[in-house]
N, C-alpha and C. Protein backbone atom coordinates (compact mmCIF):
# COMPACT_ATOMS: atom_id res chain seq x y z
N MET A 1 -11.95 14.70 -2.74
CA MET A 1 -10.93 14.00 -3.47
C MET A 1 -9.67 13.96 -2.60
N ILE A 2 -9.05 12.84 -2.60
CA ILE A 2 -7.84 12.65 -1.80
C ILE A 2 -6.65 12.44 -2.72
N PHE A 3 -5.55 13.09 -2.35
CA PHE A 3 -4.29 12.84 -3.03
C PHE A 3 -3.34 12.23 -2.01
N VAL A 4 -2.86 11.03 -2.30
CA VAL A 4 -1.97 10.31 -1.39
C VAL A 4 -0.53 10.58 -1.79
N HIS A 5 0.26 10.96 -0.81
CA HIS A 5 1.71 11.09 -1.00
C HIS A 5 2.35 10.00 -0.15
N LEU A 6 2.96 9.04 -0.79
CA LEU A 6 3.56 7.89 -0.11
C LEU A 6 5.06 8.13 0.02
N SER A 7 5.53 8.24 1.25
CA SER A 7 6.97 8.46 1.46
C SER A 7 7.58 7.26 2.18
N PRO A 8 8.49 6.58 1.51
CA PRO A 8 9.12 5.40 2.11
C PRO A 8 10.21 5.77 3.11
N THR A 9 10.38 4.94 4.11
CA THR A 9 11.50 5.11 5.02
C THR A 9 12.77 4.61 4.32
N GLU A 10 13.92 4.82 4.95
CA GLU A 10 15.17 4.36 4.34
C GLU A 10 15.16 2.84 4.15
N ARG A 11 14.62 2.14 5.14
CA ARG A 11 14.57 0.68 5.06
C ARG A 11 13.67 0.24 3.90
N ALA A 12 12.53 0.93 3.74
CA ALA A 12 11.62 0.61 2.63
C ALA A 12 12.28 0.93 1.30
N GLU A 13 13.01 2.03 1.23
CA GLU A 13 13.70 2.38 -0.01
C GLU A 13 14.69 1.30 -0.42
N ARG A 14 15.42 0.77 0.55
CA ARG A 14 16.38 -0.31 0.25
C ARG A 14 15.66 -1.54 -0.28
N TYR A 15 14.55 -1.90 0.35
CA TYR A 15 13.76 -3.06 -0.06
C TYR A 15 13.23 -2.84 -1.48
N LEU A 16 12.66 -1.68 -1.74
CA LEU A 16 12.08 -1.39 -3.05
C LEU A 16 13.17 -1.35 -4.13
N LYS A 17 14.32 -0.78 -3.79
CA LYS A 17 15.42 -0.70 -4.75
C LYS A 17 15.95 -2.10 -5.08
N ARG A 18 16.04 -2.96 -4.06
CA ARG A 18 16.55 -4.31 -4.28
C ARG A 18 15.69 -5.06 -5.31
N ASP A 19 14.37 -4.88 -5.22
CA ASP A 19 13.47 -5.58 -6.13
C ASP A 19 13.01 -4.72 -7.30
N ASN A 20 13.64 -3.54 -7.45
CA ASN A 20 13.32 -2.64 -8.54
C ASN A 20 11.82 -2.30 -8.58
N ILE A 21 11.26 -1.98 -7.43
CA ILE A 21 9.85 -1.60 -7.31
C ILE A 21 9.79 -0.08 -7.28
N ASP A 22 8.98 0.49 -8.12
CA ASP A 22 8.88 1.94 -8.27
C ASP A 22 7.84 2.51 -7.29
N ILE A 23 8.29 3.34 -6.36
CA ILE A 23 7.39 3.93 -5.36
C ILE A 23 6.37 4.85 -6.02
N ASN A 24 6.74 5.49 -7.13
CA ASN A 24 5.81 6.37 -7.83
C ASN A 24 4.63 5.59 -8.42
N ILE A 25 4.90 4.39 -8.87
CA ILE A 25 3.81 3.56 -9.40
C ILE A 25 2.90 3.13 -8.26
N LEU A 26 3.47 2.77 -7.11
CA LEU A 26 2.65 2.41 -5.95
C LEU A 26 1.75 3.58 -5.56
N GLN A 27 2.32 4.76 -5.53
CA GLN A 27 1.55 5.96 -5.18
C GLN A 27 0.46 6.23 -6.22
N THR A 28 0.75 6.03 -7.48
CA THR A 28 -0.22 6.24 -8.55
C THR A 28 -1.40 5.28 -8.40
N ILE A 29 -1.12 4.03 -8.07
CA ILE A 29 -2.18 3.05 -7.88
C ILE A 29 -3.09 3.46 -6.73
N LEU A 30 -2.50 3.90 -5.62
CA LEU A 30 -3.30 4.32 -4.47
C LEU A 30 -4.16 5.53 -4.83
N ASN A 31 -3.59 6.48 -5.56
CA ASN A 31 -4.37 7.65 -5.97
C ASN A 31 -5.47 7.29 -6.95
N PHE A 32 -5.21 6.33 -7.82
CA PHE A 32 -6.23 5.86 -8.76
C PHE A 32 -7.44 5.31 -8.00
N TYR A 33 -7.18 4.50 -6.98
CA TYR A 33 -8.29 3.95 -6.20
C TYR A 33 -8.97 5.00 -5.34
N CYS A 34 -8.23 6.02 -4.91
CA CYS A 34 -8.85 7.11 -4.14
C CYS A 34 -9.93 7.81 -4.94
N LEU A 35 -9.71 7.94 -6.24
CA LEU A 35 -10.71 8.60 -7.09
C LEU A 35 -12.05 7.86 -7.07
N TYR A 36 -12.01 6.55 -6.92
CA TYR A 36 -13.24 5.77 -6.92
C TYR A 36 -13.85 5.63 -5.54
N ILE A 37 -13.04 5.77 -4.51
CA ILE A 37 -13.54 5.62 -3.15
C ILE A 37 -14.12 6.93 -2.64
N ASP A 38 -13.41 8.02 -2.89
CA ASP A 38 -13.78 9.31 -2.32
C ASP A 38 -14.41 10.20 -3.37
N LYS A 39 -15.68 10.51 -3.20
CA LYS A 39 -16.41 11.34 -4.16
C LYS A 39 -16.59 12.77 -3.65
N ARG A 40 -15.94 13.12 -2.55
CA ARG A 40 -16.08 14.48 -2.01
C ARG A 40 -15.39 15.49 -2.93
N LYS A 41 -15.86 16.71 -2.90
CA LYS A 41 -15.24 17.76 -3.71
C LYS A 41 -14.03 18.36 -3.02
N LYS A 42 -13.99 18.25 -1.71
CA LYS A 42 -12.87 18.79 -0.93
C LYS A 42 -11.60 18.02 -1.28
N ILE A 43 -10.53 18.77 -1.56
CA ILE A 43 -9.24 18.15 -1.86
C ILE A 43 -8.46 18.03 -0.56
N GLU A 44 -8.00 16.82 -0.29
CA GLU A 44 -7.25 16.56 0.93
C GLU A 44 -5.97 15.83 0.59
N ASN A 45 -4.85 16.38 1.03
CA ASN A 45 -3.57 15.72 0.84
C ASN A 45 -3.31 14.82 2.04
N VAL A 46 -3.03 13.56 1.77
CA VAL A 46 -2.76 12.59 2.83
C VAL A 46 -1.33 12.11 2.67
N LYS A 47 -0.51 12.41 3.67
CA LYS A 47 0.88 11.97 3.65
C LYS A 47 0.99 10.69 4.46
N MET A 48 1.36 9.62 3.78
CA MET A 48 1.50 8.32 4.42
C MET A 48 2.96 7.90 4.34
N SER A 49 3.47 7.38 5.44
CA SER A 49 4.83 6.84 5.41
C SER A 49 4.73 5.33 5.24
N LEU A 50 5.67 4.78 4.52
CA LEU A 50 5.70 3.34 4.24
C LEU A 50 7.00 2.78 4.77
N ASP A 51 6.88 1.75 5.59
CA ASP A 51 8.05 1.06 6.11
C ASP A 51 7.89 -0.42 5.81
N ILE A 52 8.98 -1.08 5.54
CA ILE A 52 8.98 -2.53 5.30
C ILE A 52 9.99 -3.13 6.25
N ASP A 53 9.53 -4.03 7.09
CA ASP A 53 10.40 -4.62 8.11
C ASP A 53 10.30 -6.14 8.05
N CYS A 54 11.39 -6.77 7.65
CA CYS A 54 11.40 -8.23 7.52
C CYS A 54 11.36 -8.95 8.87
N ARG A 55 11.60 -8.22 9.94
CA ARG A 55 11.60 -8.84 11.27
C ARG A 55 10.20 -8.94 11.86
N LYS A 56 9.25 -8.19 11.31
CA LYS A 56 7.88 -8.19 11.83
C LYS A 56 7.09 -9.35 11.25
N ALA A 57 6.16 -9.85 12.05
CA ALA A 57 5.32 -10.95 11.61
C ALA A 57 4.03 -10.46 10.96
N ASP A 58 3.54 -9.29 11.40
CA ASP A 58 2.27 -8.77 10.91
C ASP A 58 2.44 -7.36 10.35
N SER A 59 1.72 -7.10 9.27
CA SER A 59 1.67 -5.74 8.75
C SER A 59 0.69 -4.95 9.60
N GLU A 60 0.88 -3.63 9.63
CA GLU A 60 -0.02 -2.82 10.46
C GLU A 60 -0.13 -1.41 9.92
N TYR A 61 -1.25 -0.78 10.27
CA TYR A 61 -1.49 0.62 9.94
C TYR A 61 -1.66 1.37 11.24
N ASN A 62 -0.95 2.47 11.38
CA ASN A 62 -1.05 3.28 12.59
C ASN A 62 -2.00 4.44 12.33
N PHE A 63 -3.18 4.38 12.95
CA PHE A 63 -4.13 5.48 12.84
C PHE A 63 -3.47 6.73 13.41
N VAL A 64 -3.86 7.87 12.99
CA VAL A 64 -3.37 9.19 13.38
C VAL A 64 -2.06 9.52 12.65
N SER A 65 -0.99 8.72 12.81
CA SER A 65 0.28 9.06 12.16
C SER A 65 0.28 8.64 10.69
N LYS A 66 -0.69 7.85 10.27
CA LYS A 66 -0.80 7.37 8.89
C LYS A 66 0.48 6.68 8.44
N HIS A 67 0.93 5.77 9.26
CA HIS A 67 2.16 5.02 9.00
C HIS A 67 1.79 3.58 8.66
N ILE A 68 2.22 3.14 7.49
CA ILE A 68 1.99 1.75 7.07
C ILE A 68 3.28 0.99 7.27
N LEU A 69 3.19 -0.11 7.99
CA LEU A 69 4.34 -1.00 8.14
C LEU A 69 3.98 -2.33 7.50
N ILE A 70 4.73 -2.71 6.50
CA ILE A 70 4.51 -3.99 5.82
C ILE A 70 5.50 -4.98 6.41
N ALA A 71 4.98 -6.10 6.89
CA ALA A 71 5.86 -7.16 7.39
C ALA A 71 6.59 -7.70 6.18
N GLY A 72 7.85 -7.37 6.09
CA GLY A 72 8.63 -7.71 4.90
C GLY A 72 8.76 -9.20 4.69
N ILE A 73 8.70 -9.56 3.46
CA ILE A 73 8.82 -10.96 3.11
C ILE A 73 10.29 -11.24 2.84
N THR A 74 10.79 -12.26 3.44
CA THR A 74 12.19 -12.61 3.24
C THR A 74 12.33 -13.55 2.04
N GLU A 75 13.53 -13.66 1.56
CA GLU A 75 13.76 -14.53 0.40
C GLU A 75 13.62 -16.01 0.78
N LYS A 76 13.63 -16.31 2.07
CA LYS A 76 13.47 -17.70 2.51
C LYS A 76 12.00 -18.12 2.52
N HIS A 77 11.10 -17.14 2.55
CA HIS A 77 9.66 -17.41 2.55
C HIS A 77 9.28 -18.02 1.20
N ARG A 78 8.28 -18.89 1.17
CA ARG A 78 7.92 -19.56 -0.07
C ARG A 78 7.50 -18.59 -1.17
N ARG A 79 6.87 -17.45 -0.79
CA ARG A 79 6.48 -16.46 -1.79
C ARG A 79 7.60 -15.48 -2.09
N GLY A 80 8.67 -15.54 -1.33
CA GLY A 80 9.75 -14.58 -1.50
C GLY A 80 10.87 -15.03 -2.40
N LYS A 81 10.70 -16.16 -3.04
CA LYS A 81 11.78 -16.70 -3.86
C LYS A 81 11.96 -15.92 -5.16
N THR A 82 10.93 -15.23 -5.61
CA THR A 82 11.02 -14.45 -6.86
C THR A 82 10.64 -13.00 -6.60
N LYS A 83 11.11 -12.12 -7.48
CA LYS A 83 10.74 -10.71 -7.37
C LYS A 83 9.23 -10.53 -7.54
N ASN A 84 8.65 -11.29 -8.46
CA ASN A 84 7.20 -11.20 -8.68
C ASN A 84 6.42 -11.62 -7.44
N GLY A 85 6.88 -12.66 -6.77
CA GLY A 85 6.22 -13.11 -5.55
C GLY A 85 6.29 -12.06 -4.46
N ARG A 86 7.45 -11.43 -4.32
CA ARG A 86 7.60 -10.37 -3.31
C ARG A 86 6.77 -9.14 -3.66
N LEU A 87 6.68 -8.81 -4.96
CA LEU A 87 5.86 -7.68 -5.38
C LEU A 87 4.39 -7.94 -5.08
N LYS A 88 3.91 -9.14 -5.41
CA LYS A 88 2.50 -9.47 -5.15
C LYS A 88 2.20 -9.44 -3.65
N TYR A 89 3.13 -9.93 -2.85
CA TYR A 89 2.98 -9.90 -1.39
C TYR A 89 2.89 -8.45 -0.92
N LEU A 90 3.78 -7.60 -1.41
CA LEU A 90 3.78 -6.19 -1.02
C LEU A 90 2.47 -5.51 -1.41
N LEU A 91 2.01 -5.72 -2.62
CA LEU A 91 0.78 -5.09 -3.09
C LEU A 91 -0.44 -5.58 -2.31
N GLU A 92 -0.45 -6.86 -1.96
CA GLU A 92 -1.55 -7.43 -1.18
C GLU A 92 -1.65 -6.75 0.19
N HIS A 93 -0.52 -6.63 0.85
CA HIS A 93 -0.51 -6.01 2.18
C HIS A 93 -0.72 -4.50 2.10
N LEU A 94 -0.20 -3.88 1.06
CA LEU A 94 -0.40 -2.45 0.88
C LEU A 94 -1.88 -2.14 0.67
N ALA A 95 -2.58 -2.96 -0.11
CA ALA A 95 -4.01 -2.76 -0.33
C ALA A 95 -4.78 -2.83 0.99
N HIS A 96 -4.45 -3.81 1.81
CA HIS A 96 -5.13 -4.00 3.09
C HIS A 96 -4.90 -2.80 4.01
N GLU A 97 -3.65 -2.40 4.16
CA GLU A 97 -3.33 -1.30 5.06
C GLU A 97 -3.80 0.04 4.50
N PHE A 98 -3.80 0.19 3.19
CA PHE A 98 -4.34 1.40 2.55
C PHE A 98 -5.83 1.55 2.87
N ARG A 99 -6.53 0.44 2.89
CA ARG A 99 -7.96 0.50 3.21
C ARG A 99 -8.17 1.03 4.63
N HIS A 100 -7.29 0.65 5.55
CA HIS A 100 -7.39 1.19 6.90
C HIS A 100 -7.21 2.71 6.89
N CYS A 101 -6.31 3.20 6.06
CA CYS A 101 -6.12 4.65 5.93
C CYS A 101 -7.39 5.30 5.41
N MET A 102 -8.01 4.69 4.41
CA MET A 102 -9.25 5.24 3.87
C MET A 102 -10.38 5.20 4.91
N GLN A 103 -10.37 4.15 5.74
CA GLN A 103 -11.37 4.08 6.81
C GLN A 103 -11.22 5.28 7.74
N GLU A 104 -9.98 5.65 8.01
CA GLU A 104 -9.73 6.78 8.91
C GLU A 104 -10.05 8.12 8.24
N VAL A 105 -9.54 8.32 7.03
CA VAL A 105 -9.64 9.62 6.38
C VAL A 105 -11.04 9.88 5.82
N ILE A 106 -11.62 8.92 5.13
CA ILE A 106 -12.90 9.13 4.47
C ILE A 106 -14.08 8.77 5.38
N PHE A 107 -13.99 7.59 6.00
CA PHE A 107 -15.12 7.09 6.77
C PHE A 107 -15.06 7.47 8.25
N LYS A 108 -14.02 8.24 8.62
CA LYS A 108 -13.87 8.79 9.98
C LYS A 108 -13.87 7.73 11.09
N LYS A 109 -13.24 6.62 10.84
CA LYS A 109 -13.04 5.59 11.86
C LYS A 109 -11.76 5.91 12.61
N ASP A 110 -11.62 5.41 13.82
CA ASP A 110 -10.37 5.67 14.55
C ASP A 110 -9.89 4.43 15.28
N ALA A 111 -8.75 4.56 15.94
CA ALA A 111 -8.09 3.43 16.58
C ALA A 111 -8.91 2.83 17.71
N SER A 112 -9.85 3.59 18.25
CA SER A 112 -10.67 3.06 19.34
C SER A 112 -11.57 1.90 18.88
N GLU A 113 -11.78 1.80 17.58
CA GLU A 113 -12.62 0.72 17.04
C GLU A 113 -11.84 -0.57 16.79
N VAL A 114 -10.54 -0.53 17.01
CA VAL A 114 -9.72 -1.74 16.90
C VAL A 114 -9.83 -2.48 18.23
N THR A 115 -10.41 -3.67 18.18
CA THR A 115 -10.72 -4.40 19.42
C THR A 115 -9.90 -5.68 19.59
N TYR A 116 -8.77 -5.76 18.95
CA TYR A 116 -7.94 -6.96 19.05
C TYR A 116 -6.50 -6.54 19.34
N ASP A 117 -5.73 -7.48 19.84
CA ASP A 117 -4.33 -7.19 20.16
C ASP A 117 -3.36 -7.67 19.09
N SER A 118 -3.71 -8.76 18.41
CA SER A 118 -2.85 -9.26 17.34
C SER A 118 -3.71 -9.97 16.31
N THR A 119 -3.10 -10.30 15.17
CA THR A 119 -3.85 -10.98 14.11
C THR A 119 -4.15 -12.43 14.48
N ASP A 120 -3.49 -12.94 15.51
CA ASP A 120 -3.77 -14.30 15.98
C ASP A 120 -5.01 -14.35 16.87
N ASP A 121 -5.41 -13.19 17.36
CA ASP A 121 -6.55 -13.07 18.25
C ASP A 121 -7.83 -13.46 17.50
N ALA A 122 -8.75 -14.14 18.18
CA ALA A 122 -10.00 -14.57 17.55
C ALA A 122 -10.86 -13.39 17.13
N SER A 123 -10.78 -12.29 17.85
CA SER A 123 -11.61 -11.13 17.53
C SER A 123 -11.09 -10.35 16.30
N TYR A 124 -9.90 -10.69 15.82
CA TYR A 124 -9.34 -10.01 14.64
C TYR A 124 -10.24 -10.19 13.42
N ALA A 125 -10.60 -11.41 13.13
CA ALA A 125 -11.40 -11.71 11.94
C ALA A 125 -12.83 -11.18 12.05
N ASP A 126 -13.30 -10.93 13.26
CA ASP A 126 -14.66 -10.44 13.45
C ASP A 126 -14.75 -8.92 13.53
N ASN A 127 -13.62 -8.25 13.65
CA ASN A 127 -13.62 -6.80 13.77
C ASN A 127 -14.12 -6.17 12.47
N PRO A 128 -15.09 -5.26 12.54
CA PRO A 128 -15.65 -4.66 11.31
C PRO A 128 -14.61 -3.96 10.43
N LEU A 129 -13.61 -3.33 11.04
CA LEU A 129 -12.57 -2.68 10.24
C LEU A 129 -11.75 -3.70 9.47
N GLU A 130 -11.46 -4.83 10.09
CA GLU A 130 -10.70 -5.88 9.42
C GLU A 130 -11.52 -6.60 8.36
N VAL A 131 -12.79 -6.80 8.65
CA VAL A 131 -13.67 -7.44 7.66
C VAL A 131 -13.70 -6.58 6.39
N ASP A 132 -13.84 -5.27 6.58
CA ASP A 132 -13.86 -4.35 5.44
C ASP A 132 -12.52 -4.34 4.71
N ALA A 133 -11.40 -4.30 5.45
CA ALA A 133 -10.08 -4.28 4.84
C ALA A 133 -9.79 -5.58 4.09
N MET A 134 -10.22 -6.71 4.64
CA MET A 134 -10.01 -7.99 3.95
C MET A 134 -10.87 -8.07 2.69
N TRP A 135 -12.09 -7.55 2.77
CA TRP A 135 -12.96 -7.51 1.59
C TRP A 135 -12.31 -6.67 0.49
N PHE A 136 -11.81 -5.50 0.86
CA PHE A 136 -11.15 -4.61 -0.11
C PHE A 136 -9.92 -5.27 -0.70
N GLU A 137 -9.11 -5.87 0.15
CA GLU A 137 -7.89 -6.56 -0.30
C GLU A 137 -8.22 -7.64 -1.31
N ASP A 138 -9.22 -8.47 -1.01
CA ASP A 138 -9.61 -9.54 -1.93
C ASP A 138 -10.12 -8.98 -3.25
N ARG A 139 -10.84 -7.88 -3.15
CA ARG A 139 -11.46 -7.31 -4.34
C ARG A 139 -10.46 -6.62 -5.28
N VAL A 140 -9.44 -5.96 -4.72
CA VAL A 140 -8.55 -5.15 -5.56
C VAL A 140 -7.16 -5.73 -5.78
N ASN A 141 -6.81 -6.77 -5.07
CA ASN A 141 -5.43 -7.26 -5.15
C ASN A 141 -5.00 -7.60 -6.57
N LYS A 142 -5.80 -8.32 -7.30
CA LYS A 142 -5.46 -8.70 -8.67
C LYS A 142 -5.30 -7.46 -9.54
N LYS A 143 -6.17 -6.47 -9.34
CA LYS A 143 -6.09 -5.23 -10.13
C LYS A 143 -4.87 -4.40 -9.75
N PHE A 144 -4.49 -4.40 -8.46
CA PHE A 144 -3.27 -3.71 -8.04
C PHE A 144 -2.07 -4.27 -8.82
N VAL A 145 -1.99 -5.59 -8.89
CA VAL A 145 -0.87 -6.25 -9.57
C VAL A 145 -0.90 -5.93 -11.06
N GLU A 146 -2.07 -6.05 -11.68
CA GLU A 146 -2.19 -5.75 -13.11
C GLU A 146 -1.82 -4.30 -13.40
N LEU A 147 -2.32 -3.37 -12.57
CA LEU A 147 -2.01 -1.96 -12.75
C LEU A 147 -0.51 -1.70 -12.61
N TYR A 148 0.09 -2.33 -11.62
CA TYR A 148 1.53 -2.12 -11.42
C TYR A 148 2.30 -2.55 -12.66
N TYR A 149 2.03 -3.75 -13.16
CA TYR A 149 2.77 -4.24 -14.32
C TYR A 149 2.49 -3.37 -15.55
N HIS A 150 1.25 -2.95 -15.73
CA HIS A 150 0.90 -2.13 -16.88
C HIS A 150 1.61 -0.77 -16.80
N LEU A 151 1.55 -0.12 -15.65
CA LEU A 151 2.20 1.18 -15.49
C LEU A 151 3.72 1.07 -15.59
N ASN A 152 4.27 0.00 -15.07
CA ASN A 152 5.71 -0.20 -15.14
C ASN A 152 6.17 -0.42 -16.58
N LYS A 153 5.39 -1.17 -17.33
CA LYS A 153 5.73 -1.45 -18.72
C LYS A 153 5.64 -0.21 -19.58
N ASN A 154 4.71 0.68 -19.25
CA ASN A 154 4.45 1.83 -20.11
C ASN A 154 4.95 3.16 -19.56
N LYS A 155 5.83 3.12 -18.57
CA LYS A 155 6.29 4.39 -18.02
C LYS A 155 7.22 5.09 -19.00
N THR A 156 7.20 6.41 -18.90
CA THR A 156 8.00 7.21 -19.83
C THR A 156 9.47 7.17 -19.42
N ARG A 157 10.30 7.46 -20.36
CA ARG A 157 11.74 7.48 -20.10
C ARG A 157 12.08 8.66 -19.21
N LYS A 158 13.12 8.49 -18.41
CA LYS A 158 13.55 9.57 -17.53
C LYS A 158 14.19 10.70 -18.31
N ASP A 159 14.91 10.38 -19.37
CA ASP A 159 15.60 11.41 -20.14
C ASP A 159 14.89 11.57 -21.48
N ILE A 160 14.06 12.60 -21.58
CA ILE A 160 13.36 12.85 -22.84
C ILE A 160 13.98 14.01 -23.60
N SER A 161 15.11 14.52 -23.08
CA SER A 161 15.74 15.68 -23.72
C SER A 161 16.19 15.38 -25.14
N LYS A 162 16.48 14.12 -25.45
CA LYS A 162 16.95 13.80 -26.81
C LYS A 162 15.86 14.04 -27.86
N PHE A 163 14.59 14.11 -27.42
CA PHE A 163 13.51 14.35 -28.35
C PHE A 163 13.33 15.84 -28.63
N PHE A 164 13.98 16.66 -27.82
CA PHE A 164 13.81 18.11 -27.94
C PHE A 164 15.11 18.80 -28.35
N THR A 165 15.71 18.32 -29.41
CA THR A 165 16.93 18.94 -29.90
C THR A 165 16.55 20.10 -30.82
N GLY A 166 17.25 21.19 -30.66
CA GLY A 166 16.90 22.41 -31.39
C GLY A 166 17.37 22.42 -32.76
């Protein structure tokens, strides 16, 4: 069993705060999917850092350091005009890069199996790691979005002390 701890960089925190995206909900979604992917009895804590950079063209996962960089969507982008569009973009890319983390941690794949230099490269779409990550992204993206909205709508209040008056 894997427990994912997602820690955003300062830049990612600013991006998430601007769009009111809850990092705890993102982490909960990743942990929810870990339960279905990893059936091992061994408990493993995986610390992943999350960065969002609007200057980057491609999202990427760094094997070994477990660093996810999401190519940030700008408000000028056609999908970036609304908060919902930016959230869906973030969840789509997070699902893809999260799968790369699972490939490393559960399936014991490593960076040596990456045989392309950029996403524009012809070998990108044929790489088995990318084929698997794209399959996973297509399969779970809609559920990631639904889970996020459901968890966000039903989250508990931060201050519950008013219910415990003596």
